[in-house]
């Protein structure tokens, strides 16, 4: 499978881990614990697990709330003394994590090439609004699509299909980029052209589904589509 740039009419991106560095929350966690890395990783993995289980049992809570539960799980599992107020400070920091350095230049190039760029995220509507404002992305992103709108998370198919409806083009005309090894297969499954940005230098799969393109930086995507 290869990226068909001629078929692309719109470009969409995941948010946390793709456009913004969600793992940078480790800096805030480090203000309260001596070894923040295990907390950060356990919190991130647990929040994703909660989302997938929520889909399976048809229960929905906002992704921010799931991260709140995941943080509590992480600190209690690791036997750490982090108060509820301190956990709330960490959760607040999650909403203002920094944009990756390669994002603004790439989005500017894609806009100049005539592509409307969208965000399709498990994040709540409030989280995405804060992310766009804090990251100075308002002039570069045409719109955001949140799991809140249909109360179902990626990688299940409905949010990707809802995003295509919101964008107003067929899934096949959307180039969807994400860092999540679990996210890109969901987009490909509904017919989008999936691009995997391997920000964590990890392994793909094991799936028969392959990304149309694998990149190390956003600039490579702009190179392909310009």
N, C-alpha and C. Protein backbone atom coordinates (compact mmCIF):
# COMPACT_ATOMS: atom_id res chain seq x y z
N UNK A 1 0.85 -1.19 0.00
CA UNK A 1 0.00 0.00 0.00
C UNK A 1 0.88 1.24 0.00
N UNK A 2 0.59 2.18 -0.90
CA UNK A 2 1.36 3.42 -0.97
C UNK A 2 0.42 4.61 -0.95
N UNK A 3 0.89 5.71 -0.45
CA UNK A 3 0.07 6.91 -0.39
C UNK A 3 -0.24 7.41 -1.79
N UNK A 4 -1.53 7.60 -2.08
CA UNK A 4 -1.97 8.16 -3.36
C UNK A 4 -2.24 9.64 -3.13
N UNK A 5 -1.22 10.45 -3.30
CA UNK A 5 -1.35 11.87 -3.01
C UNK A 5 -2.35 12.57 -3.92
N UNK A 6 -2.53 12.05 -5.13
CA UNK A 6 -3.48 12.67 -6.07
C UNK A 6 -4.92 12.54 -5.58
N UNK A 7 -5.19 11.53 -4.76
CA UNK A 7 -6.55 11.30 -4.27
C UNK A 7 -6.86 12.09 -3.00
N UNK A 8 -5.86 12.70 -2.39
CA UNK A 8 -6.05 13.37 -1.11
C UNK A 8 -6.72 14.73 -1.30
N UNK A 9 -7.84 14.92 -0.60
CA UNK A 9 -8.55 16.19 -0.63
C UNK A 9 -8.47 16.93 0.71
N UNK A 10 -8.21 16.20 1.78
CA UNK A 10 -8.11 16.81 3.11
C UNK A 10 -7.12 15.99 3.93
N UNK A 11 -6.54 16.64 4.93
CA UNK A 11 -5.55 16.00 5.79
C UNK A 11 -6.05 16.09 7.23
N UNK A 12 -6.01 14.97 7.91
CA UNK A 12 -6.46 14.94 9.31
C UNK A 12 -5.37 14.35 10.18
N UNK A 13 -5.38 14.78 11.44
CA UNK A 13 -4.35 14.36 12.39
C UNK A 13 -4.98 13.98 13.71
N UNK A 14 -4.38 13.00 14.35
CA UNK A 14 -4.63 12.79 15.76
C UNK A 14 -4.02 13.97 16.52
N UNK A 15 -4.38 14.10 17.77
CA UNK A 15 -3.87 15.22 18.56
C UNK A 15 -2.75 14.80 19.52
N UNK A 16 -3.11 14.09 20.59
CA UNK A 16 -2.18 13.81 21.67
C UNK A 16 -1.19 12.71 21.30
N UNK A 17 0.08 13.09 21.24
CA UNK A 17 1.13 12.20 20.82
C UNK A 17 1.51 12.40 19.37
N UNK A 18 0.65 13.09 18.61
CA UNK A 18 0.90 13.34 17.19
C UNK A 18 1.22 14.82 16.96
N UNK A 19 0.32 15.70 17.34
CA UNK A 19 0.56 17.13 17.22
C UNK A 19 1.19 17.71 18.48
N UNK A 20 0.78 17.21 19.62
CA UNK A 20 1.30 17.72 20.90
C UNK A 20 1.92 16.58 21.69
N UNK A 21 2.92 16.93 22.47
CA UNK A 21 3.74 15.95 23.18
C UNK A 21 3.10 15.59 24.52
N UNK A 22 2.20 14.62 24.49
CA UNK A 22 1.47 14.25 25.69
C UNK A 22 2.40 13.69 26.76
N UNK A 23 3.52 13.10 26.35
CA UNK A 23 4.43 12.52 27.34
C UNK A 23 5.21 13.58 28.11
N UNK A 24 5.14 14.83 27.66
CA UNK A 24 5.80 15.90 28.40
C UNK A 24 5.15 16.16 29.74
N UNK A 25 3.99 15.57 29.96
CA UNK A 25 3.35 15.69 31.27
C UNK A 25 4.25 15.10 32.37
N UNK A 26 5.22 14.31 31.92
CA UNK A 26 6.19 13.74 32.87
C UNK A 26 6.89 14.83 33.68
N UNK A 27 7.10 16.01 33.08
CA UNK A 27 7.76 17.10 33.79
C UNK A 27 6.92 17.54 35.00
N UNK A 28 5.60 17.62 34.79
CA UNK A 28 4.73 18.01 35.90
C UNK A 28 4.63 16.90 36.93
N UNK A 29 4.52 15.67 36.49
CA UNK A 29 4.48 14.55 37.42
C UNK A 29 5.75 14.52 38.26
N UNK A 30 6.88 14.91 37.65
CA UNK A 30 8.16 14.93 38.37
C UNK A 30 8.22 15.94 39.49
N UNK A 31 7.28 16.86 39.54
CA UNK A 31 7.22 17.81 40.66
C UNK A 31 6.70 17.15 41.93
N UNK A 32 6.08 15.96 41.76
CA UNK A 32 5.43 15.31 42.90
C UNK A 32 5.99 13.93 43.22
N UNK A 33 6.71 13.33 42.28
CA UNK A 33 7.30 12.01 42.54
C UNK A 33 8.74 12.01 42.05
N UNK A 34 9.54 11.12 42.62
CA UNK A 34 10.96 11.06 42.27
C UNK A 34 11.21 10.41 40.91
N UNK A 35 10.38 9.45 40.54
CA UNK A 35 10.55 8.73 39.27
C UNK A 35 9.28 8.85 38.45
N UNK A 36 9.16 9.92 37.66
CA UNK A 36 7.90 10.17 36.96
C UNK A 36 7.65 9.30 35.74
N UNK A 37 8.70 8.75 35.13
CA UNK A 37 8.51 8.03 33.87
C UNK A 37 7.55 6.85 34.00
N UNK A 38 7.68 5.98 35.02
CA UNK A 38 6.73 4.87 35.13
C UNK A 38 5.29 5.34 35.31
N UNK A 39 5.10 6.44 36.02
CA UNK A 39 3.74 6.98 36.22
C UNK A 39 3.17 7.44 34.89
N UNK A 40 3.98 8.16 34.13
CA UNK A 40 3.54 8.69 32.85
C UNK A 40 3.13 7.57 31.90
N UNK A 41 3.95 6.56 31.78
CA UNK A 41 3.67 5.46 30.86
C UNK A 41 2.45 4.65 31.30
N UNK A 42 2.36 4.38 32.59
CA UNK A 42 1.24 3.59 33.08
C UNK A 42 -0.07 4.36 32.93
N UNK A 43 -0.03 5.66 33.21
CA UNK A 43 -1.21 6.50 33.04
C UNK A 43 -1.66 6.52 31.59
N UNK A 44 -0.72 6.70 30.67
CA UNK A 44 -1.06 6.78 29.25
C UNK A 44 -1.66 5.46 28.77
N UNK A 45 -1.01 4.35 29.09
CA UNK A 45 -1.51 3.05 28.64
C UNK A 45 -2.87 2.72 29.26
N UNK A 46 -3.03 3.08 30.52
CA UNK A 46 -4.29 2.77 31.19
C UNK A 46 -5.44 3.60 30.61
N UNK A 47 -5.18 4.87 30.31
CA UNK A 47 -6.24 5.71 29.75
C UNK A 47 -6.69 5.19 28.39
N UNK A 48 -5.75 4.72 27.57
CA UNK A 48 -6.11 4.14 26.28
C UNK A 48 -6.91 2.85 26.48
N UNK A 49 -6.50 2.07 27.46
CA UNK A 49 -7.24 0.84 27.76
C UNK A 49 -8.66 1.12 28.21
N UNK A 50 -8.84 2.13 29.05
CA UNK A 50 -10.18 2.51 29.48
C UNK A 50 -11.05 2.88 28.28
N UNK A 51 -10.47 3.63 27.33
CA UNK A 51 -11.23 4.05 26.15
C UNK A 51 -11.69 2.84 25.34
N UNK A 52 -10.80 1.88 25.15
CA UNK A 52 -11.15 0.72 24.34
C UNK A 52 -12.18 -0.16 25.04
N UNK A 53 -12.06 -0.31 26.35
CA UNK A 53 -13.06 -1.07 27.09
C UNK A 53 -14.40 -0.34 27.07
N UNK A 54 -14.35 0.98 27.21
CA UNK A 54 -15.59 1.76 27.15
C UNK A 54 -16.33 1.53 25.85
N UNK A 55 -15.60 1.50 24.75
CA UNK A 55 -16.23 1.19 23.46
C UNK A 55 -16.89 -0.19 23.50
N UNK A 56 -16.17 -1.15 24.03
CA UNK A 56 -16.64 -2.53 23.99
C UNK A 56 -17.91 -2.73 24.81
N UNK A 57 -18.03 -2.01 25.93
CA UNK A 57 -19.20 -2.21 26.80
C UNK A 57 -20.21 -1.07 26.65
N UNK A 58 -19.98 -0.20 25.66
CA UNK A 58 -20.91 0.88 25.33
C UNK A 58 -21.14 1.82 26.51
N UNK A 59 -20.05 2.17 27.18
CA UNK A 59 -20.08 3.20 28.23
C UNK A 59 -19.13 4.31 27.81
N UNK A 60 -19.52 5.55 28.09
CA UNK A 60 -18.69 6.68 27.65
C UNK A 60 -18.48 7.66 28.79
N UNK A 61 -17.24 8.06 28.95
CA UNK A 61 -16.88 9.19 29.79
C UNK A 61 -15.82 9.97 29.03
N UNK A 62 -15.68 11.24 29.31
CA UNK A 62 -14.74 12.05 28.54
C UNK A 62 -13.32 11.54 28.72
N UNK A 63 -12.50 11.78 27.72
CA UNK A 63 -11.12 11.30 27.78
C UNK A 63 -10.35 11.98 28.91
N UNK A 64 -10.69 13.22 29.22
CA UNK A 64 -10.05 13.89 30.35
C UNK A 64 -10.37 13.15 31.64
N UNK A 65 -11.62 12.74 31.80
CA UNK A 65 -12.01 12.02 33.01
C UNK A 65 -11.33 10.65 33.06
N UNK A 66 -11.17 10.01 31.90
CA UNK A 66 -10.47 8.73 31.87
C UNK A 66 -9.01 8.89 32.26
N UNK A 67 -8.40 9.99 31.84
CA UNK A 67 -7.03 10.26 32.25
C UNK A 67 -6.95 10.53 33.75
N UNK A 68 -7.97 11.14 34.28
CA UNK A 68 -8.01 11.37 35.73
C UNK A 68 -8.03 10.03 36.48
N UNK A 69 -8.87 9.12 36.03
CA UNK A 69 -8.92 7.78 36.64
C UNK A 69 -7.60 7.05 36.43
N UNK A 70 -7.02 7.19 35.22
CA UNK A 70 -5.77 6.49 34.91
C UNK A 70 -4.62 6.99 35.77
N UNK A 71 -4.58 8.28 36.04
CA UNK A 71 -3.53 8.82 36.90
C UNK A 71 -3.66 8.27 38.31
N UNK A 72 -4.88 8.26 38.82
CA UNK A 72 -5.08 7.70 40.16
C UNK A 72 -4.65 6.24 40.19
N UNK A 73 -5.02 5.47 39.15
CA UNK A 73 -4.61 4.06 39.08
C UNK A 73 -3.09 3.95 39.11
N UNK A 74 -2.41 4.81 38.33
CA UNK A 74 -0.96 4.72 38.23
C UNK A 74 -0.28 4.98 39.56
N UNK A 75 -0.67 6.06 40.23
CA UNK A 75 0.03 6.40 41.48
C UNK A 75 -0.30 5.39 42.59
N UNK A 76 -1.53 4.88 42.59
CA UNK A 76 -1.87 3.90 43.62
C UNK A 76 -1.22 2.56 43.34
N UNK A 77 -1.15 2.18 42.08
CA UNK A 77 -0.51 0.92 41.73
C UNK A 77 0.97 0.94 42.07
N UNK A 78 1.60 2.09 41.87
CA UNK A 78 3.03 2.24 42.15
C UNK A 78 3.31 2.61 43.61
N UNK A 79 2.26 2.73 44.40
CA UNK A 79 2.42 3.00 45.83
C UNK A 79 2.96 4.38 46.14
N UNK A 80 2.55 5.38 45.37
CA UNK A 80 3.07 6.74 45.52
C UNK A 80 2.08 7.62 46.29
N UNK A 81 2.64 8.55 47.03
CA UNK A 81 1.82 9.47 47.82
C UNK A 81 1.61 10.76 47.03
N UNK A 82 0.54 10.80 46.26
CA UNK A 82 0.19 11.98 45.47
C UNK A 82 -1.25 12.33 45.81
N UNK A 83 -1.45 13.51 46.37
CA UNK A 83 -2.79 13.89 46.84
C UNK A 83 -3.73 14.15 45.67
N UNK A 84 -5.00 14.24 45.97
CA UNK A 84 -6.00 14.53 44.93
C UNK A 84 -5.74 15.90 44.31
N UNK A 85 -5.39 16.90 45.13
CA UNK A 85 -5.09 18.23 44.58
C UNK A 85 -3.88 18.19 43.66
N UNK A 86 -2.87 17.42 44.04
CA UNK A 86 -1.68 17.30 43.20
C UNK A 86 -2.01 16.58 41.89
N UNK A 87 -2.89 15.59 41.97
CA UNK A 87 -3.30 14.89 40.75
C UNK A 87 -4.05 15.85 39.82
N UNK A 88 -4.83 16.74 40.39
CA UNK A 88 -5.56 17.71 39.57
C UNK A 88 -4.60 18.69 38.89
N UNK A 89 -3.52 19.03 39.56
CA UNK A 89 -2.50 19.88 38.93
C UNK A 89 -1.89 19.16 37.72
N UNK A 90 -1.67 17.87 37.86
CA UNK A 90 -1.10 17.09 36.75
C UNK A 90 -2.10 17.02 35.59
N UNK A 91 -3.35 16.77 35.90
CA UNK A 91 -4.37 16.69 34.86
C UNK A 91 -4.52 18.02 34.14
N UNK A 92 -4.44 19.11 34.87
CA UNK A 92 -4.51 20.44 34.24
C UNK A 92 -3.37 20.63 33.25
N UNK A 93 -2.20 20.12 33.60
CA UNK A 93 -1.04 20.24 32.70
C UNK A 93 -1.24 19.46 31.42
N UNK A 94 -2.05 18.41 31.47
CA UNK A 94 -2.32 17.61 30.28
C UNK A 94 -2.97 18.44 29.18
N UNK A 95 -3.69 19.49 29.57
CA UNK A 95 -4.41 20.30 28.60
C UNK A 95 -3.51 21.34 27.92
N UNK A 96 -2.31 21.51 28.41
CA UNK A 96 -1.42 22.54 27.85
C UNK A 96 -0.06 21.97 27.47
N UNK A 97 -0.03 20.71 27.06
CA UNK A 97 1.24 20.11 26.64
C UNK A 97 1.69 20.79 25.34
N UNK A 98 3.00 20.85 25.10
CA UNK A 98 3.53 21.63 23.98
C UNK A 98 3.36 20.94 22.62
N UNK A 99 3.29 21.77 21.60
CA UNK A 99 3.25 21.28 20.22
C UNK A 99 4.66 20.80 19.84
N UNK A 100 4.73 19.70 19.12
CA UNK A 100 6.02 19.23 18.62
C UNK A 100 6.61 20.26 17.66
N UNK A 101 7.94 20.35 17.63
CA UNK A 101 8.62 21.38 16.85
C UNK A 101 8.34 21.31 15.36
N UNK A 102 8.06 20.11 14.85
CA UNK A 102 7.87 19.96 13.40
C UNK A 102 6.45 20.26 12.93
N UNK A 103 5.54 20.55 13.86
CA UNK A 103 4.13 20.66 13.51
C UNK A 103 3.80 21.95 12.77
N UNK A 104 4.17 23.10 13.32
CA UNK A 104 3.82 24.38 12.68
C UNK A 104 4.37 24.49 11.26
N UNK A 105 5.65 24.20 11.05
CA UNK A 105 6.16 24.31 9.68
C UNK A 105 5.44 23.41 8.70
N UNK A 106 5.14 22.18 9.11
CA UNK A 106 4.47 21.24 8.22
C UNK A 106 3.04 21.67 7.92
N UNK A 107 2.30 22.10 8.94
CA UNK A 107 0.93 22.54 8.71
C UNK A 107 0.90 23.79 7.82
N UNK A 108 1.85 24.67 8.01
CA UNK A 108 1.92 25.85 7.14
C UNK A 108 2.13 25.44 5.69
N UNK A 109 3.02 24.49 5.45
CA UNK A 109 3.28 24.02 4.09
C UNK A 109 2.04 23.35 3.50
N UNK A 110 1.34 22.55 4.30
CA UNK A 110 0.14 21.88 3.81
C UNK A 110 -0.97 22.88 3.48
N UNK A 111 -1.12 23.88 4.33
CA UNK A 111 -2.09 24.93 4.04
C UNK A 111 -1.75 25.67 2.76
N UNK A 112 -0.48 25.99 2.60
CA UNK A 112 -0.04 26.70 1.40
C UNK A 112 -0.24 25.85 0.15
N UNK A 113 -0.18 24.53 0.31
CA UNK A 113 -0.39 23.62 -0.82
C UNK A 113 -1.87 23.42 -1.13
N UNK A 114 -2.73 24.02 -0.32
CA UNK A 114 -4.16 23.97 -0.59
C UNK A 114 -4.96 22.95 0.19
N UNK A 115 -4.35 22.34 1.19
CA UNK A 115 -5.04 21.32 1.98
C UNK A 115 -5.66 21.93 3.24
N UNK A 116 -6.93 21.61 3.49
CA UNK A 116 -7.52 21.90 4.78
C UNK A 116 -7.07 20.82 5.76
N UNK A 117 -6.67 21.23 6.95
CA UNK A 117 -6.15 20.30 7.95
C UNK A 117 -7.12 20.22 9.13
N UNK A 118 -7.36 19.02 9.60
CA UNK A 118 -8.32 18.77 10.67
C UNK A 118 -7.66 17.96 11.79
N UNK A 119 -8.26 18.06 12.96
CA UNK A 119 -7.86 17.22 14.09
C UNK A 119 -9.01 16.28 14.42
N UNK A 120 -8.71 15.00 14.52
CA UNK A 120 -9.70 13.99 14.89
C UNK A 120 -9.16 13.29 16.14
N UNK A 121 -9.86 13.47 17.25
CA UNK A 121 -9.23 13.13 18.53
C UNK A 121 -10.20 12.47 19.50
N UNK A 122 -9.64 11.60 20.34
CA UNK A 122 -10.38 11.09 21.49
C UNK A 122 -10.54 12.15 22.56
N UNK A 123 -9.79 13.23 22.46
CA UNK A 123 -9.88 14.30 23.44
C UNK A 123 -11.24 14.94 23.45
N UNK A 124 -11.63 15.47 24.60
CA UNK A 124 -12.92 16.14 24.73
C UNK A 124 -12.90 17.46 23.97
N UNK A 125 -14.07 18.02 23.72
CA UNK A 125 -14.16 19.28 22.99
C UNK A 125 -13.40 20.39 23.72
N UNK A 126 -13.51 20.44 25.05
CA UNK A 126 -12.79 21.46 25.81
C UNK A 126 -11.28 21.27 25.71
N UNK A 127 -10.84 20.04 25.76
CA UNK A 127 -9.41 19.76 25.64
C UNK A 127 -8.87 20.23 24.30
N UNK A 128 -9.63 19.97 23.24
CA UNK A 128 -9.17 20.34 21.90
C UNK A 128 -9.17 21.85 21.72
N UNK A 129 -10.16 22.51 22.27
CA UNK A 129 -10.19 23.97 22.18
C UNK A 129 -8.98 24.58 22.88
N UNK A 130 -8.65 24.04 24.06
CA UNK A 130 -7.48 24.53 24.79
C UNK A 130 -6.21 24.22 24.03
N UNK A 131 -6.12 23.01 23.46
CA UNK A 131 -4.93 22.61 22.70
C UNK A 131 -4.69 23.54 21.53
N UNK A 132 -5.74 23.85 20.78
CA UNK A 132 -5.61 24.73 19.61
C UNK A 132 -5.17 26.13 20.04
N UNK A 133 -5.79 26.64 21.10
CA UNK A 133 -5.44 27.99 21.57
C UNK A 133 -4.02 28.03 22.11
N UNK A 134 -3.69 27.10 22.98
CA UNK A 134 -2.37 27.10 23.62
C UNK A 134 -1.27 26.83 22.61
N UNK A 135 -1.58 25.99 21.63
CA UNK A 135 -0.57 25.63 20.63
C UNK A 135 -0.50 26.57 19.45
N UNK A 136 -1.32 27.62 19.46
CA UNK A 136 -1.34 28.59 18.36
C UNK A 136 -1.59 27.89 17.02
N UNK A 137 -2.61 27.03 17.02
CA UNK A 137 -2.93 26.25 15.83
C UNK A 137 -4.18 26.75 15.11
N UNK A 138 -4.80 27.79 15.64
CA UNK A 138 -6.08 28.22 15.11
C UNK A 138 -6.08 28.59 13.65
N UNK A 139 -4.99 29.18 13.15
CA UNK A 139 -4.92 29.58 11.75
C UNK A 139 -4.50 28.43 10.84
N UNK A 140 -4.12 27.30 11.44
CA UNK A 140 -3.59 26.19 10.66
C UNK A 140 -4.53 25.00 10.59
N UNK A 141 -5.50 24.95 11.50
CA UNK A 141 -6.44 23.83 11.58
C UNK A 141 -7.83 24.33 11.23
N UNK A 142 -8.46 23.68 10.23
CA UNK A 142 -9.78 24.11 9.79
C UNK A 142 -10.85 23.80 10.82
N UNK A 143 -10.72 22.67 11.52
CA UNK A 143 -11.73 22.28 12.51
C UNK A 143 -11.19 21.11 13.33
N UNK A 144 -11.85 20.86 14.45
CA UNK A 144 -11.52 19.71 15.27
C UNK A 144 -12.76 18.82 15.40
N UNK A 145 -12.53 17.52 15.48
CA UNK A 145 -13.59 16.54 15.64
C UNK A 145 -13.28 15.74 16.90
N UNK A 146 -14.19 15.78 17.86
CA UNK A 146 -13.98 15.15 19.17
C UNK A 146 -14.84 13.91 19.34
N UNK A 147 -14.31 12.97 20.10
CA UNK A 147 -15.09 11.79 20.47
C UNK A 147 -16.37 12.17 21.21
N UNK A 148 -16.37 13.32 21.87
CA UNK A 148 -17.57 13.77 22.57
C UNK A 148 -18.79 13.82 21.65
N UNK A 149 -18.55 14.10 20.37
CA UNK A 149 -19.65 14.32 19.45
C UNK A 149 -20.48 13.07 19.21
N UNK A 150 -19.86 11.90 19.31
CA UNK A 150 -20.62 10.66 19.11
C UNK A 150 -20.49 9.72 20.31
N UNK A 151 -19.72 10.15 21.31
CA UNK A 151 -19.50 9.38 22.54
C UNK A 151 -18.97 7.97 22.25
N UNK A 152 -17.95 7.96 21.41
CA UNK A 152 -17.25 6.71 21.09
C UNK A 152 -15.83 7.05 20.67
N UNK A 153 -14.90 6.21 21.08
CA UNK A 153 -13.49 6.51 20.89
C UNK A 153 -12.90 5.77 19.69
N UNK A 154 -11.82 6.34 19.14
CA UNK A 154 -10.94 5.57 18.26
C UNK A 154 -10.24 4.49 19.09
N UNK A 155 -9.90 3.34 18.48
CA UNK A 155 -9.83 3.06 17.06
C UNK A 155 -11.08 2.42 16.47
N UNK A 156 -12.22 2.41 17.20
CA UNK A 156 -13.43 1.89 16.58
C UNK A 156 -13.84 2.77 15.40
N UNK A 157 -14.50 2.18 14.44
CA UNK A 157 -14.76 2.84 13.16
C UNK A 157 -15.64 4.10 13.23
N UNK A 158 -16.64 4.18 14.11
CA UNK A 158 -17.60 5.30 14.02
C UNK A 158 -16.99 6.69 14.07
N UNK A 159 -15.95 6.92 14.88
CA UNK A 159 -15.41 8.28 14.96
C UNK A 159 -14.72 8.68 13.67
N UNK A 160 -14.03 7.75 13.02
CA UNK A 160 -13.40 8.07 11.74
C UNK A 160 -14.46 8.37 10.68
N UNK A 161 -15.52 7.59 10.67
CA UNK A 161 -16.60 7.82 9.69
C UNK A 161 -17.31 9.14 9.97
N UNK A 162 -17.52 9.43 11.24
CA UNK A 162 -18.12 10.71 11.62
C UNK A 162 -17.23 11.86 11.18
N UNK A 163 -15.92 11.70 11.33
CA UNK A 163 -14.99 12.74 10.90
C UNK A 163 -15.08 12.98 9.41
N UNK A 164 -15.16 11.90 8.64
CA UNK A 164 -15.28 12.05 7.18
C UNK A 164 -16.56 12.80 6.83
N UNK A 165 -17.65 12.50 7.52
CA UNK A 165 -18.90 13.22 7.28
C UNK A 165 -18.76 14.70 7.63
N UNK A 166 -18.11 14.97 8.75
CA UNK A 166 -17.91 16.36 9.16
C UNK A 166 -17.02 17.11 8.17
N UNK A 167 -15.99 16.46 7.69
CA UNK A 167 -15.07 17.08 6.75
C UNK A 167 -15.74 17.27 5.40
N UNK A 168 -16.62 16.33 5.05
CA UNK A 168 -17.39 16.45 3.83
C UNK A 168 -16.77 15.79 2.62
N UNK A 169 -15.91 14.81 2.84
CA UNK A 169 -15.33 14.04 1.74
C UNK A 169 -15.37 12.56 2.10
N UNK A 170 -15.20 11.72 1.09
CA UNK A 170 -15.16 10.28 1.34
C UNK A 170 -13.90 9.92 2.13
N UNK A 171 -13.95 8.86 2.94
CA UNK A 171 -12.76 8.47 3.71
C UNK A 171 -11.52 8.29 2.85
N UNK A 172 -11.70 7.78 1.63
CA UNK A 172 -10.56 7.53 0.75
C UNK A 172 -9.82 8.80 0.35
N UNK A 173 -10.48 9.94 0.51
CA UNK A 173 -9.88 11.22 0.13
C UNK A 173 -9.21 11.91 1.31
N UNK A 174 -9.17 11.23 2.46
CA UNK A 174 -8.56 11.80 3.66
C UNK A 174 -7.23 11.12 3.95
N UNK A 175 -6.20 11.91 4.08
CA UNK A 175 -4.90 11.43 4.55
C UNK A 175 -4.89 11.62 6.06
N UNK A 176 -4.86 10.53 6.79
CA UNK A 176 -4.96 10.58 8.25
C UNK A 176 -3.62 10.19 8.87
N UNK A 177 -3.09 11.09 9.68
CA UNK A 177 -1.77 10.89 10.28
C UNK A 177 -1.89 10.77 11.79
N UNK A 178 -1.24 9.76 12.36
CA UNK A 178 -1.24 9.58 13.81
C UNK A 178 0.03 8.88 14.24
N UNK A 179 0.40 9.10 15.49
CA UNK A 179 1.55 8.40 16.08
C UNK A 179 1.13 7.08 16.71
N UNK A 180 -0.15 6.94 17.00
CA UNK A 180 -0.62 5.75 17.70
C UNK A 180 -0.59 4.50 16.84
N UNK A 181 0.10 3.48 17.31
CA UNK A 181 0.15 2.19 16.61
C UNK A 181 -1.24 1.57 16.53
N UNK A 182 -2.14 2.01 17.42
CA UNK A 182 -3.51 1.51 17.48
C UNK A 182 -4.47 2.39 16.67
N UNK A 183 -4.06 3.59 16.34
CA UNK A 183 -4.92 4.60 15.73
C UNK A 183 -4.94 4.49 14.21
N UNK A 184 -3.78 4.42 13.61
CA UNK A 184 -3.69 4.36 12.15
C UNK A 184 -4.45 3.15 11.59
N UNK A 185 -4.35 1.95 12.19
CA UNK A 185 -5.12 0.83 11.65
C UNK A 185 -6.63 1.10 11.63
N UNK A 186 -7.13 1.82 12.64
CA UNK A 186 -8.54 2.16 12.66
C UNK A 186 -8.94 3.03 11.49
N UNK A 187 -8.09 4.00 11.15
CA UNK A 187 -8.36 4.88 10.02
C UNK A 187 -8.30 4.11 8.70
N UNK A 188 -7.31 3.26 8.57
CA UNK A 188 -7.17 2.47 7.35
C UNK A 188 -8.37 1.54 7.18
N UNK A 189 -8.85 1.01 8.28
CA UNK A 189 -9.97 0.07 8.25
C UNK A 189 -11.22 0.68 7.61
N UNK A 190 -11.43 1.99 7.79
CA UNK A 190 -12.61 2.63 7.21
C UNK A 190 -12.33 3.21 5.83
N UNK A 191 -11.10 3.04 5.33
CA UNK A 191 -10.78 3.47 3.98
C UNK A 191 -9.91 4.69 3.86
N UNK A 192 -9.54 5.31 4.99
CA UNK A 192 -8.65 6.48 4.93
C UNK A 192 -7.24 6.04 4.55
N UNK A 193 -6.47 6.97 4.00
CA UNK A 193 -5.07 6.71 3.73
C UNK A 193 -4.28 7.01 5.01
N UNK A 194 -3.84 5.96 5.66
CA UNK A 194 -3.22 6.11 6.97
C UNK A 194 -1.72 6.35 6.88
N UNK A 195 -1.28 7.38 7.60
CA UNK A 195 0.14 7.70 7.70
C UNK A 195 0.56 7.55 9.16
N UNK A 196 1.56 6.75 9.39
CA UNK A 196 2.06 6.51 10.75
C UNK A 196 3.31 7.35 10.96
N UNK A 197 3.24 8.29 11.92
CA UNK A 197 4.43 9.02 12.32
C UNK A 197 4.99 8.33 13.57
N UNK A 198 6.11 7.69 13.41
CA UNK A 198 6.66 6.84 14.45
C UNK A 198 7.49 7.66 15.42
N UNK A 199 6.79 8.43 16.23
CA UNK A 199 7.49 9.35 17.14
C UNK A 199 8.19 8.64 18.29
N UNK A 200 7.77 7.45 18.64
CA UNK A 200 8.35 6.75 19.78
C UNK A 200 9.30 5.63 19.38
N UNK A 201 9.64 5.59 18.09
CA UNK A 201 10.59 4.59 17.60
C UNK A 201 10.19 3.19 18.06
N UNK A 202 8.95 2.83 17.74
CA UNK A 202 8.41 1.55 18.18
C UNK A 202 8.11 0.67 16.97
N UNK A 203 7.48 -0.47 17.21
CA UNK A 203 7.20 -1.43 16.15
C UNK A 203 5.75 -1.32 15.70
N UNK A 204 5.51 -1.59 14.45
CA UNK A 204 4.16 -1.63 13.89
C UNK A 204 3.61 -3.05 14.00
N UNK A 205 2.31 -3.11 14.27
CA UNK A 205 1.63 -4.39 14.17
C UNK A 205 1.65 -5.21 15.45
N UNK A 206 1.42 -6.51 15.31
CA UNK A 206 1.35 -7.26 14.04
C UNK A 206 -0.04 -7.20 13.40
N UNK A 207 -0.13 -6.53 12.27
CA UNK A 207 -1.38 -6.46 11.51
C UNK A 207 -1.08 -6.77 10.05
N UNK A 208 -2.08 -7.31 9.36
CA UNK A 208 -1.97 -7.40 7.92
C UNK A 208 -2.12 -6.01 7.30
N UNK A 209 -2.88 -5.15 7.97
CA UNK A 209 -3.04 -3.77 7.54
C UNK A 209 -1.71 -3.03 7.67
N UNK A 210 -1.34 -2.31 6.65
CA UNK A 210 -0.11 -1.52 6.68
C UNK A 210 -0.43 -0.05 6.43
N UNK A 211 0.34 0.87 7.01
CA UNK A 211 0.14 2.29 6.69
C UNK A 211 0.51 2.56 5.24
N UNK A 212 -0.15 3.57 4.65
CA UNK A 212 0.21 3.98 3.29
C UNK A 212 1.59 4.62 3.28
N UNK A 213 1.99 5.17 4.41
CA UNK A 213 3.28 5.85 4.51
C UNK A 213 3.71 5.85 5.97
N UNK A 214 4.99 5.62 6.21
CA UNK A 214 5.56 5.74 7.55
C UNK A 214 6.59 6.85 7.53
N UNK A 215 6.49 7.78 8.49
CA UNK A 215 7.37 8.94 8.51
C UNK A 215 7.96 9.10 9.90
N UNK A 216 9.05 9.86 9.96
CA UNK A 216 9.68 10.18 11.24
C UNK A 216 9.36 11.60 11.69
N UNK A 217 8.93 12.44 10.74
CA UNK A 217 8.62 13.82 11.08
C UNK A 217 7.51 14.33 10.17
N UNK A 218 6.85 15.37 10.62
CA UNK A 218 5.74 15.93 9.85
C UNK A 218 6.20 16.52 8.53
N UNK A 219 7.43 16.96 8.49
CA UNK A 219 7.94 17.52 7.25
C UNK A 219 7.92 16.53 6.11
N UNK A 220 8.10 15.25 6.43
CA UNK A 220 8.06 14.22 5.41
C UNK A 220 6.68 14.10 4.78
N UNK A 221 5.64 14.31 5.58
CA UNK A 221 4.29 14.30 5.03
C UNK A 221 4.09 15.47 4.07
N UNK A 222 4.55 16.63 4.45
CA UNK A 222 4.45 17.78 3.55
C UNK A 222 5.22 17.53 2.27
N UNK A 223 6.36 16.88 2.36
CA UNK A 223 7.13 16.55 1.16
C UNK A 223 6.30 15.69 0.20
N UNK A 224 5.55 14.75 0.76
CA UNK A 224 4.78 13.83 -0.06
C UNK A 224 3.58 14.51 -0.73
N UNK A 225 2.98 15.47 -0.03
CA UNK A 225 1.72 16.04 -0.51
C UNK A 225 1.88 17.36 -1.26
N UNK A 226 2.98 18.01 -1.12
CA UNK A 226 3.16 19.30 -1.80
C UNK A 226 3.16 19.11 -3.31
